[in-house]
């Protein structure tokens, strides 16, 4: 089975994952069935590798941010969910604010406010 090979490749590459993870633990509405595989990447390299492996093994994947305004079926998600929560860097250089995809909107707004920036 391709999913088994995919999981073995995650383990081999030391990428953190959970099996049959309830999506209700990761959405603001607290609903949803299980994801076959829930991946918690720690950096861009792991994200890139997880996506590559999913494609290599023809495993469908879904990229998850904070899980707000996301409705997941009680049937769950087939394949992999890749969480970006650890990718939460925010930096300000002059009037340029840059943030990673997992940054919380409230944190981005706070950084903008603290640096007198507008026009998100």
PDB file of N, CA and C in Angstrom:
ATOM      1  N   UNK A   1       0.848  -1.198   0.000  1.00  0.00           N
ATOM      2  CA  UNK A   1       0.000   0.000   0.000  1.00  0.00           C
ATOM      3  C   UNK A   1       0.881   1.245   0.000  1.00  0.00           C
ATOM      4  N   UNK A   2       0.532   2.227  -0.802  1.00  0.00           N
ATOM      5  CA  UNK A   2       1.332   3.439  -0.941  1.00  0.00           C
ATOM      6  C   UNK A   2       1.393   4.248   0.346  1.00  0.00           C
ATOM      7  N   UNK A   3       0.307   4.264   1.117  1.00  0.00           N
ATOM      8  CA  UNK A   3       0.294   5.012   2.369  1.00  0.00           C
ATOM      9  C   UNK A   3       1.311   4.433   3.341  1.00  0.00           C
ATOM     10  N   UNK A   4       1.415   3.109   3.394  1.00  0.00           N
ATOM     11  CA  UNK A   4       2.401   2.468   4.277  1.00  0.00           C
ATOM     12  C   UNK A   4       3.825   2.874   3.896  1.00  0.00           C
ATOM     13  N   UNK A   5       4.110   2.908   2.608  1.00  0.00           N
ATOM     14  CA  UNK A   5       5.442   3.318   2.139  1.00  0.00           C
ATOM     15  C   UNK A   5       5.703   4.784   2.451  1.00  0.00           C
ATOM     16  N   UNK A   6       4.680   5.599   2.311  1.00  0.00           N
ATOM     17  CA  UNK A   6       4.786   7.024   2.633  1.00  0.00           C
ATOM     18  C   UNK A   6       5.116   7.205   4.109  1.00  0.00           C
ATOM     19  N   UNK A   7       4.405   6.506   4.970  1.00  0.00           N
ATOM     20  CA  UNK A   7       4.638   6.588   6.416  1.00  0.00           C
ATOM     21  C   UNK A   7       6.054   6.125   6.748  1.00  0.00           C
ATOM     22  N   UNK A   8       6.503   5.056   6.106  1.00  0.00           N
ATOM     23  CA  UNK A   8       7.866   4.567   6.331  1.00  0.00           C
ATOM     24  C   UNK A   8       8.895   5.622   5.935  1.00  0.00           C
ATOM     25  N   UNK A   9       8.625   6.369   4.847  1.00  0.00           N
ATOM     26  CA  UNK A   9       9.563   7.408   4.418  1.00  0.00           C
ATOM     27  C   UNK A   9       9.577   8.583   5.406  1.00  0.00           C
ATOM     28  N   UNK A  10       8.429   8.898   6.008  1.00  0.00           N
ATOM     29  CA  UNK A  10       8.396   9.945   7.031  1.00  0.00           C
ATOM     30  C   UNK A  10       9.243   9.529   8.229  1.00  0.00           C
ATOM     31  N   UNK A  11       9.058   8.293   8.642  1.00  0.00           N
ATOM     32  CA  UNK A  11       9.817   7.770   9.788  1.00  0.00           C
ATOM     33  C   UNK A  11      11.315   7.771   9.488  1.00  0.00           C
ATOM     34  N   UNK A  12      11.660   7.322   8.300  1.00  0.00           N
ATOM     35  CA  UNK A  12      13.067   7.269   7.875  1.00  0.00           C
ATOM     36  C   UNK A  12      13.706   8.652   7.885  1.00  0.00           C
ATOM     37  N   UNK A  13      12.934   9.666   7.531  1.00  0.00           N
ATOM     38  CA  UNK A  13      13.437  11.037   7.483  1.00  0.00           C
ATOM     39  C   UNK A  13      13.199  11.816   8.769  1.00  0.00           C
ATOM     40  N   UNK A  14      12.742  11.117   9.806  1.00  0.00           N
ATOM     41  CA  UNK A  14      12.534  11.709  11.132  1.00  0.00           C
ATOM     42  C   UNK A  14      11.578  12.908  11.114  1.00  0.00           C
ATOM     43  N   UNK A  15      10.525  12.788  10.314  1.00  0.00           N
ATOM     44  CA  UNK A  15       9.479  13.810  10.267  1.00  0.00           C
ATOM     45  C   UNK A  15       8.367  13.382  11.212  1.00  0.00           C
ATOM     46  N   UNK A  16       7.992  14.254  12.142  1.00  0.00           N
ATOM     47  CA  UNK A  16       6.965  13.937  13.135  1.00  0.00           C
ATOM     48  C   UNK A  16       5.603  13.754  12.480  1.00  0.00           C
ATOM     49  N   UNK A  17       4.904  12.701  12.877  1.00  0.00           N
ATOM     50  CA  UNK A  17       3.567  12.446  12.340  1.00  0.00           C
ATOM     51  C   UNK A  17       2.737  11.687  13.357  1.00  0.00           C
ATOM     52  N   UNK A  18       1.436  11.773  13.188  1.00  0.00           N
ATOM     53  CA  UNK A  18       0.470  11.028  13.997  1.00  0.00           C
ATOM     54  C   UNK A  18      -0.442  10.290  13.036  1.00  0.00           C
ATOM     55  N   UNK A  19      -0.874   9.099  13.416  1.00  0.00           N
ATOM     56  CA  UNK A  19      -1.803   8.330  12.595  1.00  0.00           C
ATOM     57  C   UNK A  19      -3.204   8.458  13.153  1.00  0.00           C
ATOM     58  N   UNK A  20      -4.180   8.492  12.275  1.00  0.00           N
ATOM     59  CA  UNK A  20      -5.598   8.591  12.657  1.00  0.00           C
ATOM     60  C   UNK A  20      -5.834   9.728  13.647  1.00  0.00           C
ATOM     61  N   UNK A  21      -5.299  10.887  13.320  1.00  0.00           N
ATOM     62  CA  UNK A  21      -5.403  12.052  14.203  1.00  0.00           C
ATOM     63  C   UNK A  21      -6.747  12.749  14.006  1.00  0.00           C
ATOM     64  N   UNK A  22      -7.512  12.937  15.098  1.00  0.00           N
ATOM     65  CA  UNK A  22      -8.805  13.633  14.986  1.00  0.00           C
ATOM     66  C   UNK A  22      -8.605  15.091  14.566  1.00  0.00           C
ATOM     67  N   UNK A  23      -9.215  15.464  13.466  1.00  0.00           N
ATOM     68  CA  UNK A  23      -9.088  16.836  12.980  1.00  0.00           C
ATOM     69  C   UNK A  23      -9.802  17.829  13.888  1.00  0.00           C
ATOM     70  N   UNK A  24     -10.722  17.357  14.708  1.00  0.00           N
ATOM     71  CA  UNK A  24     -11.395  18.269  15.641  1.00  0.00           C
ATOM     72  C   UNK A  24     -10.390  18.921  16.595  1.00  0.00           C
ATOM     73  N   UNK A  25      -9.216  18.288  16.767  1.00  0.00           N
ATOM     74  CA  UNK A  25      -8.171  18.859  17.618  1.00  0.00           C
ATOM     75  C   UNK A  25      -7.417  20.008  16.932  1.00  0.00           C
ATOM     76  N   UNK A  26      -7.707  20.227  15.656  1.00  0.00           N
ATOM     77  CA  UNK A  26      -6.923  21.187  14.883  1.00  0.00           C
ATOM     78  C   UNK A  26      -7.771  22.204  14.124  1.00  0.00           C
ATOM     79  N   UNK A  27      -9.046  22.314  14.454  1.00  0.00           N
ATOM     80  CA  UNK A  27      -9.914  23.286  13.790  1.00  0.00           C
ATOM     81  C   UNK A  27     -10.621  24.147  14.824  1.00  0.00           C
ATOM     82  N   UNK A  28     -10.918  25.381  14.448  1.00  0.00           N
ATOM     83  CA  UNK A  28     -11.568  26.291  15.395  1.00  0.00           C
ATOM     84  C   UNK A  28     -12.995  25.858  15.724  1.00  0.00           C
ATOM     85  N   UNK A  29     -13.655  25.153  14.804  1.00  0.00           N
ATOM     86  CA  UNK A  29     -15.018  24.686  15.057  1.00  0.00           C
ATOM     87  C   UNK A  29     -15.060  23.371  15.833  1.00  0.00           C
ATOM     88  N   UNK A  30     -13.897  22.756  16.040  1.00  0.00           N
ATOM     89  CA  UNK A  30     -13.764  21.520  16.839  1.00  0.00           C
ATOM     90  C   UNK A  30     -14.634  20.386  16.306  1.00  0.00           C
ATOM     91  N   UNK A  31     -14.645  20.256  14.974  1.00  0.00           N
ATOM     92  CA  UNK A  31     -15.381  19.153  14.361  1.00  0.00           C
ATOM     93  C   UNK A  31     -14.475  18.463  13.347  1.00  0.00           C
ATOM     94  N   UNK A  32     -14.858  17.260  12.969  1.00  0.00           N
ATOM     95  CA  UNK A  32     -14.150  16.567  11.899  1.00  0.00           C
ATOM     96  C   UNK A  32     -13.610  15.221  12.325  1.00  0.00           C
ATOM     97  N   UNK A  33     -13.620  14.326  11.375  1.00  0.00           N
ATOM     98  CA  UNK A  33     -13.087  12.990  11.594  1.00  0.00           C
ATOM     99  C   UNK A  33     -11.565  12.980  11.558  1.00  0.00           C
ATOM    100  N   UNK A  34     -11.026  11.785  11.435  1.00  0.00           N
ATOM    101  CA  UNK A  34      -9.577  11.605  11.512  1.00  0.00           C
ATOM    102  C   UNK A  34      -8.878  11.845  10.177  1.00  0.00           C
ATOM    103  N   UNK A  35      -7.651  12.343  10.269  1.00  0.00           N
ATOM    104  CA  UNK A  35      -6.752  12.380   9.117  1.00  0.00           C
ATOM    105  C   UNK A  35      -5.950  11.089   9.156  1.00  0.00           C
ATOM    106  N   UNK A  36      -5.779  10.453   8.004  1.00  0.00           N
ATOM    107  CA  UNK A  36      -4.981   9.224   7.970  1.00  0.00           C
ATOM    108  C   UNK A  36      -3.613   9.459   8.591  1.00  0.00           C
ATOM    109  N   UNK A  37      -2.954  10.531   8.149  1.00  0.00           N
ATOM    110  CA  UNK A  37      -1.628  10.899   8.659  1.00  0.00           C
ATOM    111  C   UNK A  37      -1.624  12.400   8.902  1.00  0.00           C
ATOM    112  N   UNK A  38      -1.202  12.816  10.101  1.00  0.00           N
ATOM    113  CA  UNK A  38      -1.105  14.232  10.449  1.00  0.00           C
ATOM    114  C   UNK A  38       0.375  14.529  10.653  1.00  0.00           C
ATOM    115  N   UNK A  39       0.925  15.383   9.806  1.00  0.00           N
ATOM    116  CA  UNK A  39       2.363  15.660   9.813  1.00  0.00           C
ATOM    117  C   UNK A  39       2.618  17.030  10.422  1.00  0.00           C
ATOM    118  N   UNK A  40       3.586  17.069  11.352  1.00  0.00           N
ATOM    119  CA  UNK A  40       3.953  18.320  12.000  1.00  0.00           C
ATOM    120  C   UNK A  40       5.370  18.708  11.565  1.00  0.00           C
ATOM    121  N   UNK A  41       5.451  19.477  10.469  1.00  0.00           N
ATOM    122  CA  UNK A  41       6.768  19.880   9.990  1.00  0.00           C
ATOM    123  C   UNK A  41       7.351  20.950  10.904  1.00  0.00           C
ATOM    124  N   UNK A  42       8.683  20.940  11.012  1.00  0.00           N
ATOM    125  CA  UNK A  42       9.369  21.889  11.885  1.00  0.00           C
ATOM    126  C   UNK A  42      10.037  23.026  11.110  1.00  0.00           C
ATOM    127  N   UNK A  43      10.205  22.831   9.810  1.00  0.00           N
ATOM    128  CA  UNK A  43      10.889  23.846   9.008  1.00  0.00           C
ATOM    129  C   UNK A  43      10.547  23.647   7.529  1.00  0.00           C
ATOM    130  N   UNK A  44      11.031  24.558   6.706  1.00  0.00           N
ATOM    131  CA  UNK A  44      10.740  24.529   5.267  1.00  0.00           C
ATOM    132  C   UNK A  44      11.296  23.260   4.616  1.00  0.00           C
ATOM    133  N   UNK A  45      12.467  22.830   5.049  1.00  0.00           N
ATOM    134  CA  UNK A  45      13.049  21.618   4.458  1.00  0.00           C
ATOM    135  C   UNK A  45      12.152  20.403   4.690  1.00  0.00           C
ATOM    136  N   UNK A  46      11.610  20.276   5.912  1.00  0.00           N
ATOM    137  CA  UNK A  46      10.702  19.166   6.200  1.00  0.00           C
ATOM    138  C   UNK A  46       9.413  19.295   5.392  1.00  0.00           C
ATOM    139  N   UNK A  47       8.914  20.516   5.249  1.00  0.00           N
ATOM    140  CA  UNK A  47       7.707  20.739   4.451  1.00  0.00           C
ATOM    141  C   UNK A  47       7.937  20.295   3.008  1.00  0.00           C
ATOM    142  N   UNK A  48       9.042  20.728   2.442  1.00  0.00           N
ATOM    143  CA  UNK A  48       9.380  20.373   1.067  1.00  0.00           C
ATOM    144  C   UNK A  48       9.501  18.855   0.913  1.00  0.00           C
ATOM    145  N   UNK A  49      10.172  18.217   1.858  1.00  0.00           N
ATOM    146  CA  UNK A  49      10.366  16.767   1.793  1.00  0.00           C
ATOM    147  C   UNK A  49       9.043  16.017   1.959  1.00  0.00           C
ATOM    148  N   UNK A  50       8.202  16.464   2.879  1.00  0.00           N
ATOM    149  CA  UNK A  50       6.902  15.809   3.100  1.00  0.00           C
ATOM    150  C   UNK A  50       6.037  15.882   1.843  1.00  0.00           C
ATOM    151  N   UNK A  51       6.021  17.043   1.190  1.00  0.00           N
ATOM    152  CA  UNK A  51       5.245  17.188  -0.041  1.00  0.00           C
ATOM    153  C   UNK A  51       5.836  16.308  -1.150  1.00  0.00           C
ATOM    154  N   UNK A  52       7.151  16.290  -1.252  1.00  0.00           N
ATOM    155  CA  UNK A  52       7.801  15.458  -2.272  1.00  0.00           C
ATOM    156  C   UNK A  52       7.449  13.992  -2.063  1.00  0.00           C
ATOM    157  N   UNK A  53       7.537  13.528  -0.816  1.00  0.00           N
ATOM    158  CA  UNK A  53       7.242  12.120  -0.525  1.00  0.00           C
ATOM    159  C   UNK A  53       5.768  11.813  -0.793  1.00  0.00           C
ATOM    160  N   UNK A  54       4.886  12.730  -0.464  1.00  0.00           N
ATOM    161  CA  UNK A  54       3.455  12.518  -0.739  1.00  0.00           C
ATOM    162  C   UNK A  54       3.245  12.355  -2.235  1.00  0.00           C
ATOM    163  N   UNK A  55       3.891  13.202  -3.014  1.00  0.00           N
ATOM    164  CA  UNK A  55       3.769  13.102  -4.471  1.00  0.00           C
ATOM    165  C   UNK A  55       4.391  11.808  -4.989  1.00  0.00           C
ATOM    166  N   UNK A  56       5.574  11.453  -4.455  1.00  0.00           N
ATOM    167  CA  UNK A  56       6.257  10.223  -4.882  1.00  0.00           C
ATOM    168  C   UNK A  56       5.382   8.992  -4.685  1.00  0.00           C
ATOM    169  N   UNK A  57       4.646   8.963  -3.560  1.00  0.00           N
ATOM    170  CA  UNK A  57       3.830   7.800  -3.227  1.00  0.00           C
ATOM    171  C   UNK A  57       2.351   7.991  -3.571  1.00  0.00           C
ATOM    172  N   UNK A  58       2.049   9.061  -4.335  1.00  0.00           N
ATOM    173  CA  UNK A  58       0.673   9.351  -4.771  1.00  0.00           C
ATOM    174  C   UNK A  58      -0.305   9.415  -3.602  1.00  0.00           C
ATOM    175  N   UNK A  59       0.148  10.036  -2.516  1.00  0.00           N
ATOM    176  CA  UNK A  59      -0.691  10.220  -1.335  1.00  0.00           C
ATOM    177  C   UNK A  59      -1.267  11.628  -1.394  1.00  0.00           C
ATOM    178  N   UNK A  60      -2.601  11.763  -1.386  1.00  0.00           N
ATOM    179  CA  UNK A  60      -3.173  13.111  -1.387  1.00  0.00           C
ATOM    180  C   UNK A  60      -2.791  13.842  -0.096  1.00  0.00           C
ATOM    181  N   UNK A  61      -2.574  15.144  -0.207  1.00  0.00           N
ATOM    182  CA  UNK A  61      -2.206  15.908   0.992  1.00  0.00           C
ATOM    183  C   UNK A  61      -2.959  17.229   1.023  1.00  0.00           C
ATOM    184  N   UNK A  62      -3.076  17.747   2.234  1.00  0.00           N
ATOM    185  CA  UNK A  62      -3.756  19.011   2.492  1.00  0.00           C
ATOM    186  C   UNK A  62      -2.847  19.830   3.397  1.00  0.00           C
ATOM    187  N   UNK A  63      -2.617  21.078   3.046  1.00  0.00           N
ATOM    188  CA  UNK A  63      -1.789  21.967   3.861  1.00  0.00           C
ATOM    189  C   UNK A  63      -2.701  22.698   4.843  1.00  0.00           C
ATOM    190  N   UNK A  64      -2.373  22.615   6.128  1.00  0.00           N
ATOM    191  CA  UNK A  64      -3.195  23.194   7.191  1.00  0.00           C
ATOM    192  C   UNK A  64      -2.456  24.317   7.894  1.00  0.00           C
ATOM    193  N   UNK A  65      -3.115  25.455   8.001  1.00  0.00           N
ATOM    194  CA  UNK A  65      -2.581  26.564   8.789  1.00  0.00           C
ATOM    195  C   UNK A  65      -3.091  26.441  10.220  1.00  0.00           C
ATOM    196  N   UNK A  66      -3.794  27.454  10.683  1.00  0.00           N
ATOM    197  CA  UNK A  66      -4.308  27.463  12.055  1.00  0.00           C
ATOM    198  C   UNK A  66      -5.614  26.684  12.201  1.00  0.00           C
ATOM    199  N   UNK A  67      -6.250  26.332  11.097  1.00  0.00           N
ATOM    200  CA  UNK A  67      -7.493  25.561  11.171  1.00  0.00           C
ATOM    201  C   UNK A  67      -8.724  26.399  11.463  1.00  0.00           C
ATOM    202  N   UNK A  68      -8.600  27.719  11.294  1.00  0.00           N
ATOM    203  CA  UNK A  68      -9.781  28.564  11.531  1.00  0.00           C
ATOM    204  C   UNK A  68     -10.662  28.550  10.289  1.00  0.00           C
ATOM    205  N   UNK A  69     -11.964  28.597  10.539  1.00  0.00           N
ATOM    206  CA  UNK A  69     -12.954  28.596   9.454  1.00  0.00           C
ATOM    207  C   UNK A  69     -12.807  27.397   8.520  1.00  0.00           C
ATOM    208  N   UNK A  70     -12.420  26.264   9.086  1.00  0.00           N
ATOM    209  CA  UNK A  70     -12.254  25.037   8.321  1.00  0.00           C
ATOM    210  C   UNK A  70     -13.246  23.999   8.826  1.00  0.00           C
ATOM    211  N   UNK A  71     -14.052  23.482   7.926  1.00  0.00           N
ATOM    212  CA  UNK A  71     -14.992  22.425   8.273  1.00  0.00           C
ATOM    213  C   UNK A  71     -14.475  21.115   7.694  1.00  0.00           C
ATOM    214  N   UNK A  72     -14.282  20.126   8.547  1.00  0.00           N
ATOM    215  CA  UNK A  72     -13.804  18.816   8.108  1.00  0.00           C
ATOM    216  C   UNK A  72     -14.945  17.821   8.288  1.00  0.00           C
ATOM    217  N   UNK A  73     -15.185  17.033   7.289  1.00  0.00           N
ATOM    218  CA  UNK A  73     -16.235  16.016   7.339  1.00  0.00           C
ATOM    219  C   UNK A  73     -15.995  15.034   8.483  1.00  0.00           C
ATOM    220  N   UNK A  74     -17.067  14.478   9.007  1.00  0.00           N
ATOM    221  CA  UNK A  74     -16.937  13.425  10.014  1.00  0.00           C
ATOM    222  C   UNK A  74     -16.238  12.201   9.441  1.00  0.00           C
ATOM    223  N   UNK A  75     -16.201  12.093   8.106  1.00  0.00           N
ATOM    224  CA  UNK A  75     -15.481  10.994   7.452  1.00  0.00           C
ATOM    225  C   UNK A  75     -13.969  11.205   7.484  1.00  0.00           C
ATOM    226  N   UNK A  76     -13.527  12.384   7.876  1.00  0.00           N
ATOM    227  CA  UNK A  76     -12.104  12.663   7.992  1.00  0.00           C
ATOM    228  C   UNK A  76     -11.461  13.063   6.681  1.00  0.00           C
ATOM    229  N   UNK A  77     -10.142  12.958   6.659  1.00  0.00           N
ATOM    230  CA  UNK A  77      -9.349  13.344   5.489  1.00  0.00           C
ATOM    231  C   UNK A  77      -8.488  12.160   5.078  1.00  0.00           C
ATOM    232  N   UNK A  78      -8.678  11.749   3.832  1.00  0.00           N
ATOM    233  CA  UNK A  78      -7.892  10.647   3.287  1.00  0.00           C
ATOM    234  C   UNK A  78      -6.520  11.170   2.883  1.00  0.00           C
ATOM    235  N   UNK A  79      -5.482  10.488   3.296  1.00  0.00           N
ATOM    236  CA  UNK A  79      -4.129  10.902   2.966  1.00  0.00           C
ATOM    237  C   UNK A  79      -3.485  11.658   4.110  1.00  0.00           C
ATOM    238  N   UNK A  80      -2.718  12.670   3.759  1.00  0.00           N
ATOM    239  CA  UNK A  80      -1.925  13.389   4.754  1.00  0.00           C
ATOM    240  C   UNK A  80      -2.409  14.823   4.940  1.00  0.00           C
ATOM    241  N   UNK A  81      -2.348  15.275   6.171  1.00  0.00           N
ATOM    242  CA  UNK A  81      -2.541  16.688   6.499  1.00  0.00           C
ATOM    243  C   UNK A  81      -1.189  17.178   6.989  1.00  0.00           C
ATOM    244  N   UNK A  82      -0.709  18.257   6.393  1.00  0.00           N
ATOM    245  CA  UNK A  82       0.590  18.812   6.769  1.00  0.00           C
ATOM    246  C   UNK A  82       0.358  20.128   7.497  1.00  0.00           C
ATOM    247  N   UNK A  83       0.680  20.133   8.783  1.00  0.00           N
ATOM    248  CA  UNK A  83       0.462  21.305   9.622  1.00  0.00           C
ATOM    249  C   UNK A  83       1.645  22.272   9.533  1.00  0.00           C
ATOM    250  N   UNK A  84       1.321  23.551   9.373  1.00  0.00           N
ATOM    251  CA  UNK A  84       2.343  24.594   9.268  1.00  0.00           C
ATOM    252  C   UNK A  84       2.519  25.383  10.567  1.00  0.00           C
ATOM    253  N   UNK A  85       1.932  24.921  11.660  1.00  0.00           N
ATOM    254  CA  UNK A  85       1.964  25.693  12.906  1.00  0.00           C
ATOM    255  C   UNK A  85       3.364  26.087  13.360  1.00  0.00           C
ATOM    256  N   UNK A  86       4.346  25.228  13.136  1.00  0.00           N
ATOM    257  CA  UNK A  86       5.704  25.540  13.588  1.00  0.00           C
ATOM    258  C   UNK A  86       6.382  26.576  12.698  1.00  0.00           C
ATOM    259  N   UNK A  87       5.814  26.838  11.533  1.00  0.00           N
ATOM    260  CA  UNK A  87       6.390  27.827  10.614  1.00  0.00           C
ATOM    261  C   UNK A  87       5.754  29.180  10.908  1.00  0.00           C
ATOM    262  N   UNK A  88       6.154  29.781  12.026  1.00  0.00           N
ATOM    263  CA  UNK A  88       5.468  30.974  12.522  1.00  0.00           C
ATOM    264  C   UNK A  88       6.369  32.201  12.662  1.00  0.00           C
ATOM    265  N   UNK A  89       7.450  32.233  11.903  1.00  0.00           N
ATOM    266  CA  UNK A  89       8.373  33.361  11.977  1.00  0.00           C
ATOM    267  C   UNK A  89       7.755  34.646  11.440  1.00  0.00           C
ATOM    268  N   UNK A  90       8.087  35.744  12.110  1.00  0.00           N
ATOM    269  CA  UNK A  90       7.668  37.078  11.667  1.00  0.00           C
ATOM    270  C   UNK A  90       8.891  37.979  11.773  1.00  0.00           C
ATOM    271  N   UNK A  91       9.158  38.721  10.716  1.00  0.00           N
ATOM    272  CA  UNK A  91      10.281  39.660  10.768  1.00  0.00           C
ATOM    273  C   UNK A  91       9.862  40.990  10.145  1.00  0.00           C
ATOM    274  N   UNK A  92      10.500  42.037  10.619  1.00  0.00           N
ATOM    275  CA  UNK A  92      10.231  43.376  10.090  1.00  0.00           C
ATOM    276  C   UNK A  92      11.565  43.984   9.699  1.00  0.00           C
ATOM    277  N   UNK A  93      11.619  44.501   8.476  1.00  0.00           N
ATOM    278  CA  UNK A  93      12.806  45.182   7.962  1.00  0.00           C
ATOM    279  C   UNK A  93      12.327  46.485   7.336  1.00  0.00           C
ATOM    280  N   UNK A  94      12.504  47.564   8.079  1.00  0.00           N
ATOM    281  CA  UNK A  94      12.011  48.859   7.605  1.00  0.00           C
ATOM    282  C   UNK A  94      10.490  48.845   7.556  1.00  0.00           C
ATOM    283  N   UNK A  95       9.936  49.056   6.370  1.00  0.00           N
ATOM    284  CA  UNK A  95       8.480  49.045   6.242  1.00  0.00           C
ATOM    285  C   UNK A  95       7.970  47.737   5.624  1.00  0.00           C
ATOM    286  N   UNK A  96       8.827  46.707   5.631  1.00  0.00           N
ATOM    287  CA  UNK A  96       8.456  45.410   5.072  1.00  0.00           C
ATOM    288  C   UNK A  96       8.304  44.378   6.193  1.00  0.00           C
ATOM    289  N   UNK A  97       7.096  43.854   6.314  1.00  0.00           N
ATOM    290  CA  UNK A  97       6.815  42.797   7.285  1.00  0.00           C
ATOM    291  C   UNK A  97       6.720  41.483   6.510  1.00  0.00           C
ATOM    292  N   UNK A  98       7.455  40.479   6.940  1.00  0.00           N
ATOM    293  CA  UNK A  98       7.443  39.164   6.292  1.00  0.00           C
ATOM    294  C   UNK A  98       7.080  38.127   7.335  1.00  0.00           C
ATOM    295  N   UNK A  99       6.186  37.223   6.955  1.00  0.00           N
ATOM    296  CA  UNK A  99       5.803  36.186   7.908  1.00  0.00           C
ATOM    297  C   UNK A  99       5.700  34.838   7.204  1.00  0.00           C
ATOM    298  N   UNK A 100       5.957  33.794   7.970  1.00  0.00           N
ATOM    299  CA  UNK A 100       5.805  32.429   7.470  1.00  0.00           C
ATOM    300  C   UNK A 100       4.330  32.066   7.463  1.00  0.00           C
ATOM    301  N   UNK A 101       3.991  31.029   6.718  1.00  0.00           N
ATOM    302  CA  UNK A 101       2.598  30.643   6.504  1.00  0.00           C
ATOM    303  C   UNK A 101       1.881  30.218   7.783  1.00  0.00           C
ATOM    304  N   UNK A 102       2.606  29.779   8.794  1.00  0.00           N
ATOM    305  CA  UNK A 102       1.974  29.338  10.034  1.00  0.00           C
ATOM    306  C   UNK A 102       1.817  30.426  11.082  1.00  0.00           C
ATOM    307  N   UNK A 103       2.217  31.641  10.755  1.00  0.00           N
ATOM    308  CA  UNK A 103       2.109  32.746  11.716  1.00  0.00           C
ATOM    309  C   UNK A 103       0.645  33.085  11.970  1.00  0.00           C
ATOM    310  N   UNK A 104       0.319  33.295  13.222  1.00  0.00           N
ATOM    311  CA  UNK A 104      -1.051  33.667  13.591  1.00  0.00           C
ATOM    312  C   UNK A 104      -1.324  35.090  13.122  1.00  0.00           C
ATOM    313  N   UNK A 105      -2.505  35.307  12.573  1.00  0.00           N
ATOM    314  CA  UNK A 105      -2.874  36.639  12.091  1.00  0.00           C
ATOM    315  C   UNK A 105      -2.754  37.670  13.211  1.00  0.00           C
ATOM    316  N   UNK A 106      -3.151  37.304  14.425  1.00  0.00           N
ATOM    317  CA  UNK A 106      -3.060  38.239  15.550  1.00  0.00           C
ATOM    318  C   UNK A 106      -1.600  38.635  15.816  1.00  0.00           C
ATOM    319  N   UNK A 107      -0.677  37.695  15.678  1.00  0.00           N
ATOM    320  CA  UNK A 107       0.746  37.995  15.879  1.00  0.00           C
ATOM    321  C   UNK A 107       1.284  38.881  14.763  1.00  0.00           C
ATOM    322  N   UNK A 108       0.839  38.652  13.540  1.00  0.00           N
ATOM    323  CA  UNK A 108       1.256  39.480  12.405  1.00  0.00           C
ATOM    324  C   UNK A 108       0.747  40.909  12.602  1.00  0.00           C
ATOM    325  N   UNK A 109      -0.510  41.040  13.007  1.00  0.00           N
ATOM    326  CA  UNK A 109      -1.085  42.367  13.254  1.00  0.00           C
ATOM    327  C   UNK A 109      -0.365  43.079  14.394  1.00  0.00           C
ATOM    328  N   UNK A 110      -0.028  42.328  15.437  1.00  0.00           N
ATOM    329  CA  UNK A 110       0.692  42.915  16.573  1.00  0.00           C
ATOM    330  C   UNK A 110       2.066  43.420  16.123  1.00  0.00           C
ATOM    331  N   UNK A 111       2.765  42.633  15.308  1.00  0.00           N
ATOM    332  CA  UNK A 111       4.078  43.047  14.797  1.00  0.00           C
ATOM    333  C   UNK A 111       3.938  44.305  13.940  1.00  0.00           C
ATOM    334  N   UNK A 112       2.896  44.364  13.121  1.00  0.00           N
ATOM    335  CA  UNK A 112       2.644  45.551  12.300  1.00  0.00           C
ATOM    336  C   UNK A 112       2.390  46.765  13.188  1.00  0.00           C
ATOM    337  N   UNK A 113       1.525  46.590  14.190  1.00  0.00           N
ATOM    338  CA  UNK A 113       1.210  47.689  15.104  1.00  0.00           C
ATOM    339  C   UNK A 113       2.451  48.162  15.852  1.00  0.00           C
ATOM    340  N   UNK A 114       3.223  47.200  16.376  1.00  0.00           N
ATOM    341  CA  UNK A 114       4.427  47.541  17.140  1.00  0.00           C
ATOM    342  C   UNK A 114       5.456  48.293  16.292  1.00  0.00           C
ATOM    343  N   UNK A 115       5.389  48.113  14.982  1.00  0.00           N
ATOM    344  CA  UNK A 115       6.351  48.756  14.081  1.00  0.00           C
ATOM    345  C   UNK A 115       5.723  49.872  13.250  1.00  0.00           C
ATOM    346  N   UNK A 116       4.517  50.331  13.681  1.00  0.00           N
ATOM    347  CA  UNK A 116       3.813  51.429  13.020  1.00  0.00           C
ATOM    348  C   UNK A 116       3.608  51.186  11.525  1.00  0.00           C
ATOM    349  N   UNK A 117       3.282  49.938  11.183  1.00  0.00           N
ATOM    350  CA  UNK A 117       3.035  49.588   9.787  1.00  0.00           C
ATOM    351  C   UNK A 117       1.532  49.466   9.539  1.00  0.00           C
ATOM    352  N   UNK A 118       1.121  49.768   8.314  1.00  0.00           N
ATOM    353  CA  UNK A 118      -0.293  49.632   7.945  1.00  0.00           C
ATOM    354  C   UNK A 118      -0.384  49.062   6.542  1.00  0.00           C
ATOM    355  N   UNK A 119      -1.598  48.705   6.143  1.00  0.00           N
ATOM    356  CA  UNK A 119      -1.827  48.243   4.786  1.00  0.00           C
ATOM    357  C   UNK A 119      -1.514  46.781   4.552  1.00  0.00           C
ATOM    358  N   UNK A 120      -1.894  45.956   5.502  1.00  0.00           N
ATOM    359  CA  UNK A 120      -1.617  44.514   5.355  1.00  0.00           C
ATOM    360  C   UNK A 120      -2.132  43.982   4.053  1.00  0.00           C
TER     361      UNK A 120
END
